Amino acid sequence: MHNIGKILCALIGIMLAVAGIKNYKKIKVFLSEVKVELSKVSWSTRHELFGATSVVISATFILALYIGIVDFSLSRLLTVLIK
């Protein structure tokens, strides 16, 4: 995961250098600061990532089911009230 930050910084640096931006020194400082900040990031483990993903998928399913039931109930209620 740490390589992603290094690769991202390198790609941004290359794109900016190729574009010929005048403030290259400021950009270089910025990218070095980004690299330092990314080294401080606490990356999730594979196990934590799968756990969080399952929670999000479960919550999404439950919320979709709830909204579906409420929508169906309200549409039936409106159908009865209109007739």
C-alpha atoms as a PDB file:
ATOM      1  CA  MET A   1       0.000   0.000   0.000  1.00  0.00           C
ATOM      2  CA  HIS A   2       2.893   2.384   0.653  1.00  0.00           C
ATOM      3  CA  ASN A   3       3.972   1.990  -2.967  1.00  0.00           C
ATOM      4  CA  ILE A   4       0.675   3.487  -4.147  1.00  0.00           C
ATOM      5  CA  GLY A   5       1.549   6.830  -2.564  1.00  0.00           C
ATOM      6  CA  LYS A   6       5.031   6.806  -4.060  1.00  0.00           C
ATOM      7  CA  ILE A   7       3.676   5.914  -7.484  1.00  0.00           C
ATOM      8  CA  LEU A   8       0.994   8.594  -7.240  1.00  0.00           C
ATOM      9  CA  CYS A   9       3.534  11.240  -6.261  1.00  0.00           C
ATOM     10  CA  ALA A  10       5.838  10.188  -9.076  1.00  0.00           C
ATOM     11  CA  LEU A  11       3.049  10.299 -11.662  1.00  0.00           C
ATOM     12  CA  ILE A  12       1.895  13.734 -10.539  1.00  0.00           C
ATOM     13  CA  GLY A  13       5.463  14.990 -10.581  1.00  0.00           C
ATOM     14  CA  ILE A  14       6.023  13.667 -14.089  1.00  0.00           C
ATOM     15  CA  MET A  15       2.764  15.170 -15.370  1.00  0.00           C
ATOM     16  CA  LEU A  16       3.623  18.573 -13.913  1.00  0.00           C
ATOM     17  CA  ALA A  17       7.159  18.493 -15.244  1.00  0.00           C
ATOM     18  CA  VAL A  18       5.943  17.572 -18.716  1.00  0.00           C
ATOM     19  CA  ALA A  19       3.337  20.333 -18.609  1.00  0.00           C
ATOM     20  CA  GLY A  20       6.138  22.853 -18.013  1.00  0.00           C
ATOM     21  CA  ILE A  21       4.643  24.539 -14.981  1.00  0.00           C
ATOM     22  CA  LYS A  22       6.647  27.584 -13.862  1.00  0.00           C
ATOM     23  CA  ASN A  23       6.356  26.869 -10.126  1.00  0.00           C
ATOM     24  CA  TYR A  24       8.223  23.587 -10.280  1.00  0.00           C
ATOM     25  CA  LYS A  25      10.059  24.163  -6.980  1.00  0.00           C
ATOM     26  CA  LYS A  26       6.806  24.765  -5.110  1.00  0.00           C
ATOM     27  CA  ILE A  27       5.290  21.685  -6.671  1.00  0.00           C
ATOM     28  CA  LYS A  28       8.348  19.623  -5.761  1.00  0.00           C
ATOM     29  CA  VAL A  29       8.040  20.780  -2.135  1.00  0.00           C
ATOM     30  CA  PHE A  30       4.317  20.006  -2.178  1.00  0.00           C
ATOM     31  CA  LEU A  31       4.902  16.491  -3.514  1.00  0.00           C
ATOM     32  CA  SER A  32       7.584  15.792  -0.937  1.00  0.00           C
ATOM     33  CA  GLU A  33       5.164  16.935   1.781  1.00  0.00           C
ATOM     34  CA  VAL A  34       2.473  14.659   0.325  1.00  0.00           C
ATOM     35  CA  LYS A  35       4.921  11.772   0.460  1.00  0.00           C
ATOM     36  CA  VAL A  36       5.663  12.513   4.137  1.00  0.00           C
ATOM     37  CA  GLU A  37       1.952  12.718   4.984  1.00  0.00           C
ATOM     38  CA  LEU A  38       1.210   9.461   3.153  1.00  0.00           C
ATOM     39  CA  SER A  39       3.884   7.742   5.218  1.00  0.00           C
ATOM     40  CA  LYS A  40       1.910   8.741   8.341  1.00  0.00           C
ATOM     41  CA  VAL A  41      -1.309   7.171   7.075  1.00  0.00           C
ATOM     42  CA  SER A  42      -2.525   4.123   8.951  1.00  0.00           C
ATOM     43  CA  TRP A  43      -3.510   1.772   6.133  1.00  0.00           C
ATOM     44  CA  SER A  44      -6.186  -0.832   6.807  1.00  0.00           C
ATOM     45  CA  THR A  45      -5.326  -4.491   6.788  1.00  0.00           C
ATOM     46  CA  ARG A  46      -6.995  -6.836   4.332  1.00  0.00           C
ATOM     47  CA  HIS A  47      -9.119  -8.285   7.158  1.00  0.00           C
ATOM     48  CA  GLU A  48     -10.298  -4.823   8.290  1.00  0.00           C
ATOM     49  CA  LEU A  49     -11.093  -3.868   4.708  1.00  0.00           C
ATOM     50  CA  PHE A  50     -13.250  -6.955   4.147  1.00  0.00           C
ATOM     51  CA  GLY A  51     -15.026  -6.366   7.472  1.00  0.00           C
ATOM     52  CA  ALA A  52     -15.802  -2.739   6.667  1.00  0.00           C
ATOM     53  CA  THR A  53     -16.946  -3.656   3.157  1.00  0.00           C
ATOM     54  CA  SER A  54     -19.338  -6.297   4.473  1.00  0.00           C
ATOM     55  CA  VAL A  55     -20.799  -3.777   6.935  1.00  0.00           C
ATOM     56  CA  VAL A  56     -21.365  -1.247   4.135  1.00  0.00           C
ATOM     57  CA  ILE A  57     -22.953  -3.832   1.833  1.00  0.00           C
ATOM     58  CA  SER A  58     -25.199  -5.126   4.636  1.00  0.00           C
ATOM     59  CA  ALA A  59     -26.285  -1.632   5.666  1.00  0.00           C
ATOM     60  CA  THR A  60     -26.999  -0.735   2.038  1.00  0.00           C
ATOM     61  CA  PHE A  61     -29.116  -3.858   1.568  1.00  0.00           C
ATOM     62  CA  ILE A  62     -31.082  -3.248   4.786  1.00  0.00           C
ATOM     63  CA  LEU A  63     -31.675   0.406   3.911  1.00  0.00           C
ATOM     64  CA  ALA A  64     -32.772  -0.491   0.369  1.00  0.00           C
ATOM     65  CA  LEU A  65     -35.172  -3.087   1.751  1.00  0.00           C
ATOM     66  CA  TYR A  66     -36.601  -0.570   4.247  1.00  0.00           C
ATOM     67  CA  ILE A  67     -37.044   2.124   1.581  1.00  0.00           C
ATOM     68  CA  GLY A  68     -38.666  -0.427  -0.729  1.00  0.00           C
ATOM     69  CA  ILE A  69     -41.161  -1.485   1.937  1.00  0.00           C
ATOM     70  CA  VAL A  70     -42.010   2.128   2.825  1.00  0.00           C
ATOM     71  CA  ASP A  71     -42.393   3.047  -0.856  1.00  0.00           C
ATOM     72  CA  PHE A  72     -44.630   0.065  -1.526  1.00  0.00           C
ATOM     73  CA  SER A  73     -46.749   0.790   1.565  1.00  0.00           C
ATOM     74  CA  LEU A  74     -47.173   4.460   0.737  1.00  0.00           C
ATOM     75  CA  SER A  75     -48.067   3.739  -2.880  1.00  0.00           C
ATOM     76  CA  ARG A  76     -50.732   1.236  -1.725  1.00  0.00           C
ATOM     77  CA  LEU A  77     -52.039   3.764   0.793  1.00  0.00           C
ATOM     78  CA  LEU A  78     -52.269   6.477  -1.858  1.00  0.00           C
ATOM     79  CA  THR A  79     -53.990   4.084  -4.251  1.00  0.00           C
ATOM     80  CA  VAL A  80     -56.615   3.317  -1.592  1.00  0.00           C
ATOM     81  CA  LEU A  81     -57.067   7.004  -0.702  1.00  0.00           C
ATOM     82  CA  ILE A  82     -57.394   8.140  -4.322  1.00  0.00           C
ATOM     83  CA  LYS A  83     -60.054   5.528  -5.174  1.00  0.00           C
END
